[in-house]
Amino acid sequence: MSTSEIYKIISKTEWEAAAAAGVFKGASIDLADGYIHFSTAAQAAETAALHFANQEGLALVSVSTKELGDALKWEASRGGALFPHLYAALEMHHVARVDDLPVGPEGKHVFPDHVATAGVTQ
């Protein structure tokens, strides 16, 4: 499987700490599982709904897959769909952008246009 960008949903506080450190080693679930969980654009809305329902203060980190190499694995997860998992720390130079991920009036997260046009349905 291949896609040029993958997405990490994370609290702004956790992301700010990682950015200050210059590397993201993972959130608590990532550290427990041994890899950093990511979603594709098409998977991101469902990930937000299942794991971050009604949570404010989130960031959506867009990561370029171009130079992640063999550390990026596509593995079956929810419903057998292939999800991107990074078996390494995330270096900041792989981050394409970071956007706020607010909760909209209907209780769903509102994704930025660049993700919505890449496959997120809301």
C-alpha atoms as a PDB file:
ATOM      1  CA  MET A   1       0.000   0.000   0.000  1.00  0.00           C
ATOM      2  CA  SER A   2       1.213   3.497  -0.674  1.00  0.00           C
ATOM      3  CA  THR A   3       0.117   7.020   0.093  1.00  0.00           C
ATOM      4  CA  SER A   4       2.175  10.189   0.190  1.00  0.00           C
ATOM      5  CA  GLU A   5       0.850  11.445   3.547  1.00  0.00           C
ATOM      6  CA  ILE A   6      -0.348   9.771   6.716  1.00  0.00           C
ATOM      7  CA  TYR A   7      -1.962  11.359   9.754  1.00  0.00           C
ATOM      8  CA  LYS A   8      -1.539  11.261  13.521  1.00  0.00           C
ATOM      9  CA  ILE A   9      -4.223  12.568  15.861  1.00  0.00           C
ATOM     10  CA  ILE A  10      -2.705  13.705  19.135  1.00  0.00           C
ATOM     11  CA  SER A  11      -3.309  16.184  21.923  1.00  0.00           C
ATOM     12  CA  LYS A  12      -1.768  19.574  21.257  1.00  0.00           C
ATOM     13  CA  THR A  13       0.054  19.327  24.586  1.00  0.00           C
ATOM     14  CA  GLU A  14       1.709  16.019  23.638  1.00  0.00           C
ATOM     15  CA  TRP A  15       2.618  17.357  20.206  1.00  0.00           C
ATOM     16  CA  GLU A  16       4.108  20.574  21.577  1.00  0.00           C
ATOM     17  CA  ALA A  17       6.326  18.505  23.910  1.00  0.00           C
ATOM     18  CA  ALA A  18       7.481  16.326  21.005  1.00  0.00           C
ATOM     19  CA  ALA A  19       8.174  19.346  18.809  1.00  0.00           C
ATOM     20  CA  ALA A  20      10.219  20.926  21.595  1.00  0.00           C
ATOM     21  CA  ALA A  21      12.199  17.682  21.951  1.00  0.00           C
ATOM     22  CA  GLY A  22      12.713  17.503  18.181  1.00  0.00           C
ATOM     23  CA  VAL A  23      11.331  13.967  17.928  1.00  0.00           C
ATOM     24  CA  PHE A  24       8.040  12.144  18.559  1.00  0.00           C
ATOM     25  CA  LYS A  25       8.498   8.744  20.159  1.00  0.00           C
ATOM     26  CA  GLY A  26       4.791   8.049  20.463  1.00  0.00           C
ATOM     27  CA  ALA A  27       1.762   8.586  22.655  1.00  0.00           C
ATOM     28  CA  SER A  28       1.095   6.125  25.476  1.00  0.00           C
ATOM     29  CA  ILE A  29      -0.787   3.682  23.191  1.00  0.00           C
ATOM     30  CA  ASP A  30       2.060   3.827  20.664  1.00  0.00           C
ATOM     31  CA  LEU A  31       4.682   3.131  23.310  1.00  0.00           C
ATOM     32  CA  ALA A  32       2.624   0.200  24.643  1.00  0.00           C
ATOM     33  CA  ASP A  33       2.175  -1.298  21.153  1.00  0.00           C
ATOM     34  CA  GLY A  34       5.763  -0.730  19.996  1.00  0.00           C
ATOM     35  CA  TYR A  35       4.949   1.470  16.992  1.00  0.00           C
ATOM     36  CA  ILE A  36       3.338   4.809  16.191  1.00  0.00           C
ATOM     37  CA  HIS A  37      -0.250   4.503  14.979  1.00  0.00           C
ATOM     38  CA  PHE A  38      -1.212   6.529  11.912  1.00  0.00           C
ATOM     39  CA  SER A  39      -4.245   6.718   9.630  1.00  0.00           C
ATOM     40  CA  THR A  40      -4.708   7.484   5.971  1.00  0.00           C
ATOM     41  CA  ALA A  41      -6.924  10.407   4.972  1.00  0.00           C
ATOM     42  CA  ALA A  42      -9.780   7.964   4.358  1.00  0.00           C
ATOM     43  CA  GLN A  43      -9.329   6.399   7.831  1.00  0.00           C
ATOM     44  CA  ALA A  44      -8.772   9.558   9.892  1.00  0.00           C
ATOM     45  CA  ALA A  45     -12.412  10.524  10.549  1.00  0.00           C
ATOM     46  CA  GLU A  46     -13.275   7.048  11.834  1.00  0.00           C
ATOM     47  CA  THR A  47     -10.136   7.016  13.990  1.00  0.00           C
ATOM     48  CA  ALA A  48     -11.157  10.364  15.478  1.00  0.00           C
ATOM     49  CA  ALA A  49     -14.700   9.150  16.144  1.00  0.00           C
ATOM     50  CA  LEU A  50     -13.596   5.863  17.737  1.00  0.00           C
ATOM     51  CA  HIS A  51     -10.634   6.994  19.803  1.00  0.00           C
ATOM     52  CA  PHE A  52     -11.058  10.748  20.309  1.00  0.00           C
ATOM     53  CA  ALA A  53     -14.830  11.320  20.430  1.00  0.00           C
ATOM     54  CA  ASN A  54     -15.705  14.823  21.639  1.00  0.00           C
ATOM     55  CA  GLN A  55     -12.095  15.541  22.659  1.00  0.00           C
ATOM     56  CA  GLU A  56     -11.013  19.133  22.264  1.00  0.00           C
ATOM     57  CA  GLY A  57      -7.426  20.332  22.130  1.00  0.00           C
ATOM     58  CA  LEU A  58      -6.298  17.942  19.406  1.00  0.00           C
ATOM     59  CA  ALA A  59      -3.832  18.368  16.582  1.00  0.00           C
ATOM     60  CA  LEU A  60      -3.712  16.577  13.246  1.00  0.00           C
ATOM     61  CA  VAL A  61      -0.115  15.904  12.253  1.00  0.00           C
ATOM     62  CA  SER A  62       0.429  15.314   8.533  1.00  0.00           C
ATOM     63  CA  VAL A  63       3.506  13.221   7.795  1.00  0.00           C
ATOM     64  CA  SER A  64       5.198  12.681   4.465  1.00  0.00           C
ATOM     65  CA  THR A  65       5.836   8.991   3.833  1.00  0.00           C
ATOM     66  CA  LYS A  66       8.483   9.720   1.204  1.00  0.00           C
ATOM     67  CA  GLU A  67      11.528   8.971   3.356  1.00  0.00           C
ATOM     68  CA  LEU A  68      10.151   6.772   6.140  1.00  0.00           C
ATOM     69  CA  GLY A  69      11.556   3.680   4.448  1.00  0.00           C
ATOM     70  CA  ASP A  70      11.219   0.198   5.903  1.00  0.00           C
ATOM     71  CA  ALA A  71      10.199   1.574   9.316  1.00  0.00           C
ATOM     72  CA  LEU A  72       6.714   2.209   7.852  1.00  0.00           C
ATOM     73  CA  LYS A  73       4.633  -0.963   7.735  1.00  0.00           C
ATOM     74  CA  TRP A  74       1.104  -1.374   6.422  1.00  0.00           C
ATOM     75  CA  GLU A  75      -0.688  -3.802   8.733  1.00  0.00           C
ATOM     76  CA  ALA A  76      -4.209  -5.113   9.098  1.00  0.00           C
ATOM     77  CA  SER A  77      -6.145  -3.522  11.910  1.00  0.00           C
ATOM     78  CA  ARG A  78      -9.722  -2.301  12.308  1.00  0.00           C
ATOM     79  CA  GLY A  79     -11.945  -4.461  10.128  1.00  0.00           C
ATOM     80  CA  GLY A  80      -8.917  -5.908   8.336  1.00  0.00           C
ATOM     81  CA  ALA A  81      -8.059  -2.553   6.726  1.00  0.00           C
ATOM     82  CA  LEU A  82      -4.377  -1.793   6.261  1.00  0.00           C
ATOM     83  CA  PHE A  83      -3.140   0.963   8.570  1.00  0.00           C
ATOM     84  CA  PRO A  84       0.249   2.683   8.539  1.00  0.00           C
ATOM     85  CA  HIS A  85       2.425   1.892  11.564  1.00  0.00           C
ATOM     86  CA  LEU A  86       5.815   3.493  12.103  1.00  0.00           C
ATOM     87  CA  TYR A  87       8.356   1.299  13.871  1.00  0.00           C
ATOM     88  CA  ALA A  88      10.699   4.187  14.671  1.00  0.00           C
ATOM     89  CA  ALA A  89      10.610   7.593  16.266  1.00  0.00           C
ATOM     90  CA  LEU A  90       9.138  10.317  14.073  1.00  0.00           C
ATOM     91  CA  GLU A  91      11.729  12.904  13.152  1.00  0.00           C
ATOM     92  CA  MET A  92      10.367  16.424  12.742  1.00  0.00           C
ATOM     93  CA  HIS A  93      11.655  16.799   9.175  1.00  0.00           C
ATOM     94  CA  HIS A  94       9.037  14.210   8.105  1.00  0.00           C
ATOM     95  CA  VAL A  95       6.194  16.412   9.353  1.00  0.00           C
ATOM     96  CA  ALA A  96       4.511  18.226   6.476  1.00  0.00           C
ATOM     97  CA  ARG A  97       2.168  20.313   8.643  1.00  0.00           C
ATOM     98  CA  VAL A  98       0.239  20.423  11.897  1.00  0.00           C
ATOM     99  CA  ASP A  99      -3.367  21.603  12.033  1.00  0.00           C
ATOM    100  CA  ASP A 100      -5.897  22.087  14.807  1.00  0.00           C
ATOM    101  CA  LEU A 101      -8.580  19.397  14.893  1.00  0.00           C
ATOM    102  CA  PRO A 102     -11.609  21.079  16.485  1.00  0.00           C
ATOM    103  CA  VAL A 103     -14.920  19.474  17.334  1.00  0.00           C
ATOM    104  CA  GLY A 104     -17.725  20.868  15.196  1.00  0.00           C
ATOM    105  CA  PRO A 105     -21.281  21.700  16.238  1.00  0.00           C
ATOM    106  CA  GLU A 106     -22.486  18.162  15.492  1.00  0.00           C
ATOM    107  CA  GLY A 107     -19.848  16.617  17.760  1.00  0.00           C
ATOM    108  CA  LYS A 108     -17.605  15.401  14.937  1.00  0.00           C
ATOM    109  CA  HIS A 109     -14.064  16.608  14.385  1.00  0.00           C
ATOM    110  CA  VAL A 110     -13.633  19.111  11.581  1.00  0.00           C
ATOM    111  CA  PHE A 111     -10.734  18.132   9.340  1.00  0.00           C
ATOM    112  CA  PRO A 112      -8.715  20.668   7.359  1.00  0.00           C
ATOM    113  CA  ASP A 113      -9.458  20.978   3.649  1.00  0.00           C
ATOM    114  CA  HIS A 114      -6.217  19.311   2.540  1.00  0.00           C
ATOM    115  CA  VAL A 115      -7.276  16.115   4.333  1.00  0.00           C
ATOM    116  CA  ALA A 116     -10.939  16.326   3.372  1.00  0.00           C
ATOM    117  CA  THR A 117     -10.017  16.538  -0.305  1.00  0.00           C
ATOM    118  CA  ALA A 118      -7.666  13.560   0.113  1.00  0.00           C
ATOM    119  CA  GLY A 119     -10.411  11.225   1.247  1.00  0.00           C
ATOM    120  CA  VAL A 120     -11.922  12.135   4.614  1.00  0.00           C
ATOM    121  CA  THR A 121     -15.680  11.972   4.745  1.00  0.00           C
ATOM    122  CA  GLN A 122     -17.376  13.819   7.552  1.00  0.00           C
END
